[in-house]
C-alpha atoms as a PDB file:
ATOM      1  CA  MET A   1     -11.198  -1.470  12.993  1.00  0.00           C
ATOM      2  CA  LEU A   2     -13.957   0.583  10.995  1.00  0.00           C
ATOM      3  CA  MET A   3     -16.460  -1.869  12.826  1.00  0.00           C
ATOM      4  CA  SER A   4     -14.877  -1.422  16.526  1.00  0.00           C
ATOM      5  CA  GLN A   5     -17.846   1.250  17.337  1.00  0.00           C
ATOM      6  CA  GLY A   6     -21.190   0.027  17.569  1.00  0.00           C
ATOM      7  CA  GLY A   7     -23.652   0.898  14.553  1.00  0.00           C
ATOM      8  CA  VAL A   8     -20.683  -0.007  11.731  1.00  0.00           C
ATOM      9  CA  VAL A   9     -20.885  -3.061   9.609  1.00  0.00           C
ATOM     10  CA  CYS A  10     -18.207  -3.478   7.176  1.00  0.00           C
ATOM     11  CA  PHE A  11     -18.228  -6.373   4.605  1.00  0.00           C
ATOM     12  CA  HIS A  12     -14.732  -7.318   3.508  1.00  0.00           C
ATOM     13  CA  GLY A  13     -13.349  -9.508   0.255  1.00  0.00           C
ATOM     14  CA  THR A  14     -17.090 -10.224  -0.607  1.00  0.00           C
ATOM     15  CA  ARG A  15     -19.302  -9.665  -3.191  1.00  0.00           C
ATOM     16  CA  SER A  16     -22.678 -11.320  -1.834  1.00  0.00           C
ATOM     17  CA  ILE A  17     -24.273  -9.896   1.240  1.00  0.00           C
ATOM     18  CA  GLY A  18     -23.874 -12.400   3.911  1.00  0.00           C
ATOM     19  CA  GLY A  19     -20.305 -12.347   4.291  1.00  0.00           C
ATOM     20  CA  TYR A  20     -19.449 -15.134   2.282  1.00  0.00           C
ATOM     21  CA  ASP A  21     -15.794 -15.389   0.700  1.00  0.00           C
ATOM     22  CA  SER A  22     -15.988 -14.371  -2.998  1.00  0.00           C
ATOM     23  CA  GLY A  23     -16.274 -17.463  -5.066  1.00  0.00           C
ATOM     24  CA  THR A  24     -17.782 -19.698  -2.768  1.00  0.00           C
ATOM     25  CA  VAL A  25     -21.500 -18.078  -3.640  1.00  0.00           C
ATOM     26  CA  PRO A  26     -22.265 -16.567  -6.908  1.00  0.00           C
ATOM     27  CA  ASP A  27     -21.381 -12.833  -7.063  1.00  0.00           C
ATOM     28  CA  SER A  28     -23.969  -9.956  -7.067  1.00  0.00           C
ATOM     29  CA  PRO A  29     -23.409  -7.401  -9.903  1.00  0.00           C
ATOM     30  CA  VAL A  30     -22.038  -4.381  -8.374  1.00  0.00           C
ATOM     31  CA  GLY A  31     -25.037  -2.310  -8.724  1.00  0.00           C
ATOM     32  CA  GLN A  32     -27.146  -5.062  -6.973  1.00  0.00           C
ATOM     33  CA  TYR A  33     -24.662  -5.444  -4.499  1.00  0.00           C
ATOM     34  CA  ILE A  34     -24.726  -1.814  -3.138  1.00  0.00           C
ATOM     35  CA  ALA A  35     -28.084  -1.104  -3.710  1.00  0.00           C
ATOM     36  CA  MET A  36     -28.124  -4.047  -0.962  1.00  0.00           C
ATOM     37  CA  LEU A  37     -26.170  -2.556   1.241  1.00  0.00           C
ATOM     38  CA  ALA A  38     -28.097   1.076   0.846  1.00  0.00           C
ATOM     39  CA  GLU A  39     -31.488  -0.711   1.688  1.00  0.00           C
ATOM     40  CA  MET A  40     -30.084  -2.328   5.035  1.00  0.00           C
ATOM     41  CA  GLU A  41     -28.761   0.687   5.965  1.00  0.00           C
ATOM     42  CA  ARG A  42     -32.268   2.486   5.516  1.00  0.00           C
ATOM     43  CA  ASN A  43     -34.002  -0.319   7.207  1.00  0.00           C
ATOM     44  CA  SER A  44     -31.553  -0.835  10.137  1.00  0.00           C
ATOM     45  CA  GLY A  45     -30.246   2.343  10.931  1.00  0.00           C
ATOM     46  CA  LEU A  46     -26.438   0.867  10.892  1.00  0.00           C
ATOM     47  CA  SER A  47     -23.845   2.091   8.497  1.00  0.00           C
ATOM     48  CA  PHE A  48     -22.757  -0.368   5.994  1.00  0.00           C
ATOM     49  CA  GLY A  49     -19.847  -0.613   3.731  1.00  0.00           C
ATOM     50  CA  SER A  50     -17.773  -2.798   2.264  1.00  0.00           C
ATOM     51  CA  CYS A  51     -13.912  -3.378   1.147  1.00  0.00           C
ATOM     52  CA  HIS A  52     -11.844  -5.405  -0.950  1.00  0.00           C
ATOM     53  CA  GLY A  53     -14.530  -7.033  -3.121  1.00  0.00           C
ATOM     54  CA  TYR A  54     -14.720  -5.304  -6.347  1.00  0.00           C
ATOM     55  CA  TYR A  55     -11.757  -3.572  -7.800  1.00  0.00           C
ATOM     56  CA  GLY A  56     -10.530  -0.358  -9.420  1.00  0.00           C
ATOM     57  CA  VAL A  57     -13.655   2.257  -9.854  1.00  0.00           C
ATOM     58  CA  VAL A  58     -16.062  -0.588 -10.979  1.00  0.00           C
ATOM     59  CA  ALA A  59     -18.211   0.105  -7.710  1.00  0.00           C
ATOM     60  CA  ARG A  60     -17.419   3.762  -7.706  1.00  0.00           C
ATOM     61  CA  GLU A  61     -20.718   5.078  -9.640  1.00  0.00           C
ATOM     62  CA  PRO A  62     -23.278   2.975  -7.559  1.00  0.00           C
ATOM     63  CA  VAL A  63     -21.617   3.643  -4.471  1.00  0.00           C
ATOM     64  CA  ILE A  64     -22.133   7.803  -5.361  1.00  0.00           C
ATOM     65  CA  ARG A  65     -25.534   6.981  -6.477  1.00  0.00           C
ATOM     66  CA  HIS A  66     -26.341   5.613  -3.390  1.00  0.00           C
ATOM     67  CA  GLY A  67     -25.398   8.370  -1.689  1.00  0.00           C
ATOM     68  CA  GLY A  68     -21.990   6.519  -0.283  1.00  0.00           C
ATOM     69  CA  ALA A  69     -18.304   7.602  -0.132  1.00  0.00           C
ATOM     70  CA  PHE A  70     -15.995   5.864  -2.497  1.00  0.00           C
ATOM     71  CA  THR A  71     -12.453   5.792  -1.378  1.00  0.00           C
ATOM     72  CA  ALA A  72      -9.192   4.145  -2.495  1.00  0.00           C
ATOM     73  CA  ILE A  73      -6.182   3.046  -1.111  1.00  0.00           C
ATOM     74  CA  LEU A  74      -2.441   3.971  -2.609  1.00  0.00           C
ATOM     75  CA  ARG A  75       0.589   2.091  -1.263  1.00  0.00           C
ATOM     76  CA  GLU A  76       4.314   2.416  -2.327  1.00  0.00           C
ATOM     77  CA  PRO A  77       4.501   0.891  -5.589  1.00  0.00           C
ATOM     78  CA  VAL A  78       7.896  -1.220  -4.895  1.00  0.00           C
ATOM     79  CA  LYS A  79       6.403  -2.639  -1.572  1.00  0.00           C
ATOM     80  CA  ARG A  80       3.022  -3.315  -2.929  1.00  0.00           C
ATOM     81  CA  THR A  81       4.517  -5.203  -6.185  1.00  0.00           C
ATOM     82  CA  HIS A  82       6.726  -7.077  -3.934  1.00  0.00           C
ATOM     83  CA  SER A  83       3.689  -8.299  -1.424  1.00  0.00           C
ATOM     84  CA  ILE A  84       1.563  -9.380  -4.237  1.00  0.00           C
ATOM     85  CA  TYR A  85       4.482 -11.761  -5.606  1.00  0.00           C
ATOM     86  CA  GLN A  86       5.175 -12.732  -2.278  1.00  0.00           C
ATOM     87  CA  ALA A  87       1.612 -13.891  -1.463  1.00  0.00           C
ATOM     88  CA  ASN A  88       1.765 -16.075  -4.641  1.00  0.00           C
ATOM     89  CA  VAL A  89       4.993 -17.616  -5.106  1.00  0.00           C
ATOM     90  CA  ALA A  90       4.636 -20.572  -2.903  1.00  0.00           C
ATOM     91  CA  ALA A  91       1.412 -21.646  -5.159  1.00  0.00           C
ATOM     92  CA  LEU A  92       3.631 -21.181  -8.122  1.00  0.00           C
ATOM     93  CA  ALA A  93       6.348 -23.227  -7.032  1.00  0.00           C
ATOM     94  CA  GLU A  94       4.186 -25.925  -5.528  1.00  0.00           C
ATOM     95  CA  ARG A  95       2.895 -26.200  -9.238  1.00  0.00           C
ATOM     96  CA  HIS A  96       6.245 -26.593 -10.683  1.00  0.00           C
ATOM     97  CA  GLY A  97       7.626 -28.924  -7.726  1.00  0.00           C
ATOM     98  CA  ILE A  98      10.217 -26.621  -6.540  1.00  0.00           C
ATOM     99  CA  SER A  99      11.203 -24.596  -3.754  1.00  0.00           C
ATOM    100  CA  PRO A 100       9.850 -21.350  -3.414  1.00  0.00           C
ATOM    101  CA  SER A 101      13.642 -20.175  -2.101  1.00  0.00           C
ATOM    102  CA  GLY A 102      14.613 -20.345  -5.623  1.00  0.00           C
ATOM    103  CA  ILE A 103      12.264 -18.009  -7.577  1.00  0.00           C
ATOM    104  CA  GLN A 104      12.051 -15.187  -4.694  1.00  0.00           C
ATOM    105  CA  LEU A 105      12.399 -11.467  -6.652  1.00  0.00           C
ATOM    106  CA  SER A 106      16.015 -11.427  -5.370  1.00  0.00           C
ATOM    107  CA  SER A 107      17.227 -14.887  -6.699  1.00  0.00           C
ATOM    108  CA  GLU A 108      19.363 -15.436  -9.137  1.00  0.00           C
ATOM    109  CA  LEU A 109      17.806 -17.260 -12.306  1.00  0.00           C
ATOM    110  CA  GLY A 110      20.299 -19.602 -13.656  1.00  0.00           C
ATOM    111  CA  GLY A 111      20.115 -22.171 -16.522  1.00  0.00           C
ATOM    112  CA  GLY A 112      18.673 -19.844 -19.063  1.00  0.00           C
ATOM    113  CA  LEU A 113      15.678 -19.191 -17.147  1.00  0.00           C
ATOM    114  CA  GLU A 114      16.508 -15.480 -16.176  1.00  0.00           C
ATOM    115  CA  GLU A 115      16.204 -15.134 -20.135  1.00  0.00           C
ATOM    116  CA  ARG A 116      13.108 -16.903 -20.325  1.00  0.00           C
ATOM    117  CA  VAL A 117      11.486 -14.319 -17.764  1.00  0.00           C
ATOM    118  CA  SER A 118      12.798 -11.623 -19.181  1.00  0.00           C
ATOM    119  CA  HIS A 119      11.726 -12.448 -22.804  1.00  0.00           C
ATOM    120  CA  GLU A 120       8.257 -13.256 -21.261  1.00  0.00           C
ATOM    121  CA  LEU A 121       8.069  -9.950 -19.556  1.00  0.00           C
ATOM    122  CA  ALA A 122       8.651  -7.980 -22.841  1.00  0.00           C
ATOM    123  CA  ARG A 123       6.543  -9.612 -24.409  1.00  0.00           C
ATOM    124  CA  LEU A 124       3.780  -8.966 -22.063  1.00  0.00           C
ATOM    125  CA  ALA A 125       4.599  -5.271 -21.763  1.00  0.00           C
ATOM    126  CA  ALA A 126       4.424  -4.970 -25.527  1.00  0.00           C
ATOM    127  CA  ASP A 127       1.112  -6.661 -25.897  1.00  0.00           C
ATOM    128  CA  ARG A 128      -1.326  -3.959 -25.451  1.00  0.00           C
ATOM    129  CA  SER A 129      -4.502  -6.440 -25.295  1.00  0.00           C
ATOM    130  CA  VAL A 130      -2.901  -7.989 -22.504  1.00  0.00           C
ATOM    131  CA  GLN A 131      -2.330  -4.482 -20.698  1.00  0.00           C
ATOM    132  CA  ALA A 132      -6.132  -3.652 -21.538  1.00  0.00           C
ATOM    133  CA  SER A 133      -7.694  -6.830 -20.584  1.00  0.00           C
ATOM    134  CA  ARG A 134     -10.157  -6.572 -18.014  1.00  0.00           C
ATOM    135  CA  THR A 135     -12.908  -8.952 -16.362  1.00  0.00           C
ATOM    136  CA  ASP A 136     -15.325  -8.775 -13.546  1.00  0.00           C
ATOM    137  CA  SER A 137     -14.057 -11.398 -11.661  1.00  0.00           C
ATOM    138  CA  ARG A 138     -10.738 -10.749  -9.549  1.00  0.00           C
ATOM    139  CA  ARG A 139     -10.470 -13.267  -6.961  1.00  0.00           C
ATOM    140  CA  ARG A 140      -7.566 -14.965  -4.744  1.00  0.00           C
ATOM    141  CA  VAL A 141      -7.708 -19.097  -6.076  1.00  0.00           C
ATOM    142  CA  ASP A 142      -5.634 -21.373  -3.744  1.00  0.00           C
ATOM    143  CA  ALA A 143      -3.932 -18.123  -3.361  1.00  0.00           C
ATOM    144  CA  ALA A 144      -2.665 -17.555  -6.998  1.00  0.00           C
ATOM    145  CA  LEU A 145      -3.394 -14.145  -8.121  1.00  0.00           C
ATOM    146  CA  GLY A 146      -4.346 -14.666 -11.977  1.00  0.00           C
ATOM    147  CA  MET A 147      -7.928 -13.545 -12.497  1.00  0.00           C
ATOM    148  CA  GLY A 148      -9.678 -10.162 -13.596  1.00  0.00           C
ATOM    149  CA  SER A 149      -7.374  -7.790 -14.864  1.00  0.00           C
ATOM    150  CA  ARG A 150      -4.434 -10.054 -14.625  1.00  0.00           C
ATOM    151  CA  VAL A 151      -3.121 -12.352 -17.130  1.00  0.00           C
ATOM    152  CA  VAL A 152      -3.947 -15.990 -16.264  1.00  0.00           C
ATOM    153  CA  PRO A 153      -0.507 -17.752 -15.674  1.00  0.00           C
ATOM    154  CA  LYS A 154      -0.661 -21.271 -17.553  1.00  0.00           C
ATOM    155  CA  TRP A 155       0.244 -22.781 -14.016  1.00  0.00           C
ATOM    156  CA  MET A 156      -2.824 -21.853 -12.837  1.00  0.00           C
ATOM    157  CA  THR A 157      -4.990 -24.326 -15.767  1.00  0.00           C
ATOM    158  CA  GLY A 158      -2.536 -26.419 -17.205  1.00  0.00           C
ATOM    159  CA  SER A 159      -0.349 -29.725 -15.921  1.00  0.00           C
ATOM    160  CA  ALA A 160       2.889 -29.013 -14.247  1.00  0.00           C
ATOM    161  CA  LYS A 161       5.155 -30.803 -16.855  1.00  0.00           C
ATOM    162  CA  ASP A 162       3.732 -28.812 -19.600  1.00  0.00           C
ATOM    163  CA  ASP A 163       3.985 -25.334 -17.928  1.00  0.00           C
ATOM    164  CA  ASP A 164       7.205 -23.234 -18.713  1.00  0.00           C
ATOM    165  CA  LEU A 165       8.341 -22.109 -15.685  1.00  0.00           C
ATOM    166  CA  GLY A 166       9.978 -18.912 -17.155  1.00  0.00           C
ATOM    167  CA  PRO A 167       6.832 -17.436 -18.492  1.00  0.00           C
ATOM    168  CA  ALA A 168       4.752 -18.448 -15.037  1.00  0.00           C
ATOM    169  CA  ILE A 169       7.184 -16.355 -12.953  1.00  0.00           C
ATOM    170  CA  ALA A 170       7.062 -13.352 -15.662  1.00  0.00           C
ATOM    171  CA  ALA A 171       3.571 -13.560 -15.527  1.00  0.00           C
ATOM    172  CA  LEU A 172       3.353 -13.565 -11.718  1.00  0.00           C
ATOM    173  CA  PHE A 173       5.406 -10.301 -11.468  1.00  0.00           C
ATOM    174  CA  PHE A 174       3.731  -8.650 -14.356  1.00  0.00           C
ATOM    175  CA  ASN A 175       0.218  -9.078 -12.924  1.00  0.00           C
ATOM    176  CA  SER A 176       2.100  -8.323  -9.414  1.00  0.00           C
ATOM    177  CA  ALA A 177       3.611  -4.768 -10.807  1.00  0.00           C
ATOM    178  CA  ARG A 178       0.418  -4.148 -13.133  1.00  0.00           C
ATOM    179  CA  ASP A 179      -2.133  -4.914  -9.983  1.00  0.00           C
ATOM    180  CA  SER A 180       0.048  -2.076  -8.360  1.00  0.00           C
ATOM    181  CA  VAL A 181       0.335   0.559 -11.014  1.00  0.00           C
ATOM    182  CA  ALA A 182      -1.738   0.206 -13.854  1.00  0.00           C
ATOM    183  CA  ILE A 183      -5.054  -0.245 -11.087  1.00  0.00           C
ATOM    184  CA  ASP A 184      -3.812   2.691  -9.219  1.00  0.00           C
ATOM    185  CA  GLU A 185      -3.869   4.705 -12.466  1.00  0.00           C
ATOM    186  CA  GLU A 186      -7.448   3.644 -13.476  1.00  0.00           C
ATOM    187  CA  ILE A 187      -8.512   5.199  -9.991  1.00  0.00           C
ATOM    188  CA  ILE A 188      -6.330   8.233  -9.908  1.00  0.00           C
ATOM    189  CA  LEU A 189      -7.576   9.011 -13.495  1.00  0.00           C
ATOM    190  CA  ALA A 190     -11.237   8.551 -12.198  1.00  0.00           C
ATOM    191  CA  CYS A 191     -11.169  10.080  -8.595  1.00  0.00           C
ATOM    192  CA  ASP A 192     -10.854  13.441  -6.829  1.00  0.00           C
ATOM    193  CA  PRO A 193      -7.535  13.538  -5.098  1.00  0.00           C
ATOM    194  CA  GLY A 194      -9.802  13.464  -1.670  1.00  0.00           C
ATOM    195  CA  ASP A 195     -10.857  10.003  -2.436  1.00  0.00           C
ATOM    196  CA  LEU A 196      -7.222   8.793  -2.170  1.00  0.00           C
ATOM    197  CA  ILE A 197      -6.225   7.276   1.056  1.00  0.00           C
ATOM    198  CA  VAL A 198      -2.343   6.808   1.362  1.00  0.00           C
ATOM    199  CA  MET A 199      -1.718   3.382   3.140  1.00  0.00           C
ATOM    200  CA  GLU A 200       1.429   4.296   5.049  1.00  0.00           C
ATOM    201  CA  ARG A 201      -0.339   7.099   6.516  1.00  0.00           C
ATOM    202  CA  MET A 202      -3.366   5.533   7.354  1.00  0.00           C
ATOM    203  CA  THR A 203      -1.447   2.819   9.305  1.00  0.00           C
ATOM    204  CA  GLY A 204       1.069   5.399  10.953  1.00  0.00           C
ATOM    205  CA  ASP A 205      -0.825   8.473  11.819  1.00  0.00           C
ATOM    206  CA  SER A 206      -3.896   8.538  13.979  1.00  0.00           C
ATOM    207  CA  ASP A 207      -4.933  11.822  13.133  1.00  0.00           C
ATOM    208  CA  TYR A 208      -4.725  10.971   9.365  1.00  0.00           C
ATOM    209  CA  PHE A 209      -6.701   8.022   9.995  1.00  0.00           C
ATOM    210  CA  ARG A 210      -9.668  10.104  11.953  1.00  0.00           C
ATOM    211  CA  GLU A 211      -9.335  12.823   9.196  1.00  0.00           C
ATOM    212  CA  HIS A 212      -8.988  10.886   5.985  1.00  0.00           C
ATOM    213  CA  VAL A 213     -10.582   7.595   6.538  1.00  0.00           C
ATOM    214  CA  TRP A 214     -13.203   7.470   9.944  1.00  0.00           C
ATOM    215  CA  GLU A 215     -14.661  11.071   9.113  1.00  0.00           C
ATOM    216  CA  ARG A 216     -14.865  10.357   5.278  1.00  0.00           C
ATOM    217  CA  LEU A 217     -16.487   7.268   5.525  1.00  0.00           C
ATOM    218  CA  LEU A 218     -18.640   7.772   8.891  1.00  0.00           C
ATOM    219  CA  PRO A 219     -19.143  11.497   9.206  1.00  0.00           C
ATOM    220  CA  HIS A 220     -22.054  11.290  11.540  1.00  0.00           C
ATOM    221  CA  LEU A 221     -19.528   9.422  14.247  1.00  0.00           C
ATOM    222  CA  ALA A 222     -16.960  12.127  14.183  1.00  0.00           C
ATOM    223  CA  GLY A 223     -15.202  12.171  17.337  1.00  0.00           C
ATOM    224  CA  ARG A 224     -15.656   8.656  17.581  1.00  0.00           C
ATOM    225  CA  SER A 225     -12.538   7.375  16.013  1.00  0.00           C
ATOM    226  CA  PRO A 226     -11.279   4.339  18.000  1.00  0.00           C
ATOM    227  CA  LEU A 227      -7.747   5.563  17.536  1.00  0.00           C
ATOM    228  CA  ALA A 228      -6.125   8.123  19.646  1.00  0.00           C
ATOM    229  CA  PRO A 229      -2.863   9.844  19.259  1.00  0.00           C
ATOM    230  CA  ASP A 230      -0.979   7.382  21.491  1.00  0.00           C
ATOM    231  CA  SER A 231      -2.875   4.320  19.824  1.00  0.00           C
ATOM    232  CA  PRO A 232      -0.208   1.816  18.431  1.00  0.00           C
ATOM    233  CA  ARG A 233       0.974   1.601  15.039  1.00  0.00           C
ATOM    234  CA  LEU A 234      -2.093  -0.163  12.811  1.00  0.00           C
ATOM    235  CA  ASN A 235      -0.826  -3.627  10.799  1.00  0.00           C
ATOM    236  CA  ASP A 236       0.483  -2.053   7.454  1.00  0.00           C
ATOM    237  CA  HIS A 237       1.110  -5.553   5.831  1.00  0.00           C
ATOM    238  CA  ALA A 238       4.565  -4.829   5.425  1.00  0.00           C
ATOM    239  CA  GLY A 239       5.560  -8.654   6.073  1.00  0.00           C
ATOM    240  CA  GLN A 240       8.516 -10.022   7.152  1.00  0.00           C
ATOM    241  CA  VAL A 241       9.850 -11.046   3.741  1.00  0.00           C
ATOM    242  CA  GLU A 242      10.730  -7.225   3.518  1.00  0.00           C
ATOM    243  CA  ARG A 243      13.487  -7.486   6.301  1.00  0.00           C
ATOM    244  CA  GLY A 244      12.983  -4.066   7.229  1.00  0.00           C
ATOM    245  CA  LEU A 245      14.402  -2.723   4.288  1.00  0.00           C
ATOM    246  CA  ASP A 246      13.136   0.622   2.726  1.00  0.00           C
ATOM    247  CA  SER A 247      11.801   0.906  -0.405  1.00  0.00           C
ATOM    248  CA  ALA A 248      14.863   1.718  -2.003  1.00  0.00           C
ATOM    249  CA  GLY A 249      16.859  -0.878  -0.838  1.00  0.00           C
ATOM    250  CA  LEU A 250      14.035  -3.757  -0.979  1.00  0.00           C
ATOM    251  CA  PHE A 251      13.832  -2.438  -5.105  1.00  0.00           C
ATOM    252  CA  GLU A 252      17.692  -2.801  -5.089  1.00  0.00           C
ATOM    253  CA  SER A 253      17.596  -6.365  -3.718  1.00  0.00           C
ATOM    254  CA  TRP A 254      15.379  -7.782  -6.892  1.00  0.00           C
ATOM    255  CA  ASN A 255      17.042  -9.121  -9.634  1.00  0.00           C
ATOM    256  CA  PRO A 256      17.855  -6.963 -12.331  1.00  0.00           C
ATOM    257  CA  VAL A 257      15.327  -8.116 -14.661  1.00  0.00           C
ATOM    258  CA  TYR A 258      12.431  -7.393 -12.495  1.00  0.00           C
ATOM    259  CA  ARG A 259      13.859  -3.904 -11.278  1.00  0.00           C
ATOM    260  CA  GLU A 260      13.970  -3.372 -15.173  1.00  0.00           C
ATOM    261  CA  ALA A 261      10.044  -4.527 -15.823  1.00  0.00           C
ATOM    262  CA  LEU A 262       8.947  -2.111 -12.681  1.00  0.00           C
ATOM    263  CA  VAL A 263      10.553   0.818 -14.403  1.00  0.00           C
ATOM    264  CA  ALA A 264       9.202   0.045 -17.397  1.00  0.00           C
ATOM    265  CA  MET A 265       5.807  -0.296 -15.742  1.00  0.00           C
ATOM    266  CA  LEU A 266       5.811   2.774 -14.236  1.00  0.00           C
ATOM    267  CA  ALA A 267       6.787   4.469 -17.268  1.00  0.00           C
ATOM    268  CA  ALA A 268       3.871   3.296 -19.009  1.00  0.00           C
ATOM    269  CA  HIS A 269       1.680   4.748 -16.227  1.00  0.00           C
ATOM    270  CA  PRO A 270       2.473   8.605 -15.831  1.00  0.00           C
ATOM    271  CA  ALA A 271      -0.747   9.488 -13.577  1.00  0.00           C
ATOM    272  CA  SER A 272       0.238   6.884 -11.250  1.00  0.00           C
ATOM    273  CA  VAL A 273       3.824   8.183 -10.953  1.00  0.00           C
ATOM    274  CA  ASP A 274       2.835  11.828 -10.298  1.00  0.00           C
ATOM    275  CA  ALA A 275       0.430  10.817  -7.721  1.00  0.00           C
ATOM    276  CA  TYR A 276       3.244   8.727  -6.161  1.00  0.00           C
ATOM    277  CA  ARG A 277       5.588  11.656  -6.096  1.00  0.00           C
ATOM    278  CA  ARG A 278       2.695  14.099  -4.636  1.00  0.00           C
ATOM    279  CA  VAL A 279       2.607  11.954  -1.620  1.00  0.00           C
ATOM    280  CA  GLY A 280       6.531  11.153  -1.302  1.00  0.00           C
ATOM    281  CA  TYR A 281       6.913   7.139  -2.521  1.00  0.00           C
ATOM    282  CA  PHE A 282      10.136   6.295  -4.041  1.00  0.00           C
ATOM    283  CA  ILE A 283      10.098   5.811  -7.449  1.00  0.00           C
ATOM    284  CA  PRO A 284      12.953   3.834  -8.889  1.00  0.00           C
END
């Protein structure tokens, strides 16, 4: 959408100049990457930017130093957690030779599996070193979210026969919830309110998109937003798996072990909860 007008170049999901997917070529340090964007902008007269390359606030300081606009997107935490889990559960299931249908967030977990998942979620929540861990690399590897600020589940690195399915499921859910709530808090505490974009409004309100996204990032192109008031709704990444449920209904469809874990994650990050309430998000 940002590149629908001439003169705008926005790289997506990359940490190297040239449009290569992150992980396929060596990453550039974030300061060097932002400096290269600024240099290309000066030399070409085009507007350069990037999204989904570096996570959290690691890119904020170099962006501001080079005169750019740093923004971050908030998304309703239940749906975001659900979406991240769903994007990666098939890889976990394949790793263990089982069907993804048996380990959905709404699935009953029999044979002692629920107890193992619950125990591991409690252990992860209590482990402050795990909660605080950060690395510079957070990539999607074989559709498995397990790098960077996340705990790395055993199913990414070990053999399936040596892995315990319970801890693997717990790690995936814990990572999904933390990447929704804890990373948001990191951003919320570091940024001004005007730096935060509400995803649901961005994708459903053309006036909001124009004022808070287009004109915020491209003030020199004010009045040239590609979205008119009667434009169709943008893709909000809701996903068919959510079956049209609102956030409260989706949350109630989860197994209680996951509901309890998300409530605990939210309680541990009050700045995120305050921000969610300000924009009208559902808080279980």
